[in-house]
Amino acid sequence: MILDFMGNGTFSHQDLRVIMKYNDRRESNSLRITERVKRLTAGERIMLLRMDRGYTREQLAERAEISEKFLYEIETGRKGFSAVTLLNLSKALEVSLDYIMIGKGSRKYDDEIVATLELFKPNSLEMVNRLLKVAYEISRDGK
């Protein structure tokens, strides 16, 4: 899949929507999607995370204790933000500071999930994986 980049090397809003739809449909290409996410600006990553979690701009702004207009300006690259705002956004979106800034790092619960998965015997991990996919589909249907 080839995406058109805006002239400044970032993704357009249409490209972000394509990435999200493509990511939902193609798990086997998740590494390529991850590489593309690393090329996003911090604001674009924030917007993508917000949309992925189903938050409106107003809802995320409230959770991060900033104005909706300021969040819009961050997402569109019109304004930068302080370390305090970065911390508030990372808490609200449940991702690491690194993930917002450079596209690397982890989500809040990665370590806990890995520790739980390590409790299973290797021969049962395929079944656990299938169960997690079913749980994910159920949670998406509930939105």
Protein backbone atom coordinates (compact mmCIF):
# COMPACT_ATOMS: atom_id res chain seq x y z
CA MET A 1 0.00 0.00 0.00
CA ILE A 2 1.43 3.38 -0.97
CA LEU A 3 0.32 6.52 0.84
CA ASP A 4 0.65 10.06 -0.44
CA PHE A 5 2.65 12.26 1.85
CA MET A 6 2.11 15.98 2.23
CA GLY A 7 4.99 18.06 0.91
CA ASN A 8 6.57 18.41 4.36
CA GLY A 9 7.03 14.65 4.84
CA THR A 10 4.04 14.18 7.14
CA PHE A 11 0.74 12.40 6.60
CA SER A 12 -2.46 14.15 5.55
CA HIS A 13 -5.63 13.59 7.58
CA GLN A 14 -6.86 11.29 4.80
CA ASP A 15 -3.66 9.24 5.07
CA LEU A 16 -4.17 8.91 8.85
CA ARG A 17 -7.66 7.50 8.26
CA VAL A 18 -6.26 5.06 5.68
CA ILE A 19 -3.58 3.92 8.13
CA MET A 20 -6.19 3.29 10.83
CA LYS A 21 -8.46 1.30 8.47
CA TYR A 22 -5.52 -0.58 7.02
CA ASN A 23 -4.18 -1.39 10.48
CA ASP A 24 -7.56 -2.81 11.49
CA ARG A 25 -7.68 -5.05 8.41
CA ARG A 26 -4.09 -6.23 8.10
CA GLU A 27 -2.40 -7.57 11.20
CA SER A 28 0.34 -9.15 9.11
CA ASN A 29 1.46 -5.70 8.01
CA SER A 30 1.62 -4.27 11.53
CA LEU A 31 5.39 -3.79 11.37
CA ARG A 32 5.06 -1.61 8.28
CA ILE A 33 2.30 0.40 9.97
CA THR A 34 4.50 0.79 13.05
CA GLU A 35 7.30 2.16 10.88
CA ARG A 36 4.90 4.66 9.32
CA VAL A 37 3.65 5.75 12.75
CA LYS A 38 7.26 6.54 13.72
CA ARG A 39 7.38 9.04 10.83
CA LEU A 40 4.37 10.97 12.12
CA THR A 41 4.77 14.22 14.01
CA ALA A 42 3.93 14.18 17.72
CA GLY A 43 0.69 16.03 16.96
CA GLU A 44 -0.30 13.50 14.31
CA ARG A 45 0.40 10.64 16.72
CA ILE A 46 -1.77 12.35 19.34
CA MET A 47 -4.60 12.73 16.81
CA LEU A 48 -4.28 9.10 15.70
CA LEU A 49 -4.32 7.89 19.31
CA ARG A 50 -7.31 10.10 20.10
CA MET A 51 -9.26 8.76 17.13
CA ASP A 52 -8.24 5.17 17.91
CA ARG A 53 -9.61 5.50 21.43
CA GLY A 54 -12.83 7.07 20.19
CA TYR A 55 -12.29 10.39 21.98
CA THR A 56 -13.56 13.62 20.56
CA ARG A 57 -11.12 16.50 20.63
CA GLU A 58 -13.21 18.00 23.42
CA GLN A 59 -13.03 14.81 25.52
CA LEU A 60 -9.25 14.45 25.21
CA ALA A 61 -8.68 18.14 25.89
CA GLU A 62 -10.69 17.85 29.09
CA ARG A 63 -8.80 14.71 30.20
CA ALA A 64 -5.45 16.41 29.47
CA GLU A 65 -6.50 19.67 31.12
CA ILE A 66 -5.97 21.83 28.03
CA SER A 67 -8.32 23.73 25.76
CA GLU A 68 -9.89 22.12 22.73
CA LYS A 69 -8.38 24.85 20.53
CA PHE A 70 -4.89 24.19 21.92
CA LEU A 71 -5.30 20.45 21.27
CA TYR A 72 -6.32 21.22 17.68
CA GLU A 73 -3.23 23.40 17.28
CA ILE A 74 -1.01 20.61 18.67
CA GLU A 75 -2.57 17.98 16.40
CA THR A 76 -2.15 20.14 13.30
CA GLY A 77 1.42 21.14 14.16
CA ARG A 78 0.62 24.81 14.62
CA LYS A 79 1.84 24.91 18.22
CA GLY A 80 4.28 23.04 20.40
CA PHE A 81 3.60 22.02 23.97
CA SER A 82 5.25 21.92 27.38
CA ALA A 83 6.49 18.89 29.28
CA VAL A 84 3.48 19.19 31.59
CA THR A 85 1.09 19.07 28.63
CA LEU A 86 3.00 16.09 27.20
CA LEU A 87 2.68 14.28 30.53
CA ASN A 88 -1.06 15.03 30.74
CA LEU A 89 -1.63 13.84 27.17
CA SER A 90 0.36 10.64 27.73
CA LYS A 91 -1.67 9.86 30.86
CA ALA A 92 -4.96 10.60 29.11
CA LEU A 93 -4.03 8.44 26.11
CA GLU A 94 -2.34 5.74 28.25
CA VAL A 95 0.91 5.74 26.27
CA SER A 96 4.50 6.52 27.15
CA LEU A 97 6.01 9.96 26.63
CA ASP A 98 8.41 8.40 24.12
CA TYR A 99 5.55 7.03 22.07
CA ILE A 100 4.02 10.47 21.61
CA MET A 101 7.33 12.17 20.85
CA ILE A 102 9.15 9.64 18.67
CA GLY A 103 6.76 6.76 18.01
CA LYS A 104 8.72 4.33 20.16
CA GLY A 105 7.95 3.16 23.64
CA SER A 106 5.01 1.40 25.07
CA ARG A 107 1.49 1.69 26.11
CA LYS A 108 0.80 1.92 29.82
CA TYR A 109 -0.09 -1.73 30.35
CA ASP A 110 2.48 -3.47 28.11
CA ASP A 111 4.64 -4.74 30.98
CA GLU A 112 1.63 -6.08 32.87
CA ILE A 113 0.29 -7.83 29.77
CA VAL A 114 3.65 -9.40 28.97
CA ALA A 115 4.02 -10.62 32.56
CA THR A 116 0.57 -12.23 32.38
CA LEU A 117 1.31 -13.87 29.01
CA GLU A 118 4.54 -15.31 30.42
CA LEU A 119 2.44 -17.27 32.93
CA PHE A 120 1.01 -19.43 30.12
CA LYS A 121 2.69 -22.56 28.82
CA PRO A 122 4.14 -22.06 25.31
CA ASN A 123 1.79 -24.64 23.76
CA SER A 124 -1.29 -22.68 24.94
CA LEU A 125 -0.26 -19.26 23.58
CA GLU A 126 -2.03 -19.78 20.23
CA MET A 127 -5.30 -20.36 22.07
CA VAL A 128 -4.67 -17.29 24.25
CA ASN A 129 -4.02 -15.26 21.11
CA ARG A 130 -7.35 -16.37 19.58
CA LEU A 131 -9.18 -15.53 22.81
CA LEU A 132 -7.63 -12.06 22.90
CA LYS A 133 -8.74 -11.44 19.31
CA VAL A 134 -12.29 -12.46 20.19
CA ALA A 135 -12.22 -10.20 23.27
CA TYR A 136 -10.98 -7.34 21.11
CA GLU A 137 -13.81 -7.83 18.59
CA ILE A 138 -16.36 -7.91 21.42
CA SER A 139 -14.96 -4.67 22.84
CA ARG A 140 -15.11 -2.97 19.42
CA ASP A 141 -18.73 -4.02 18.97
CA GLY A 142 -19.55 -2.39 22.31
CA LYS A 143 -18.38 1.10 21.19
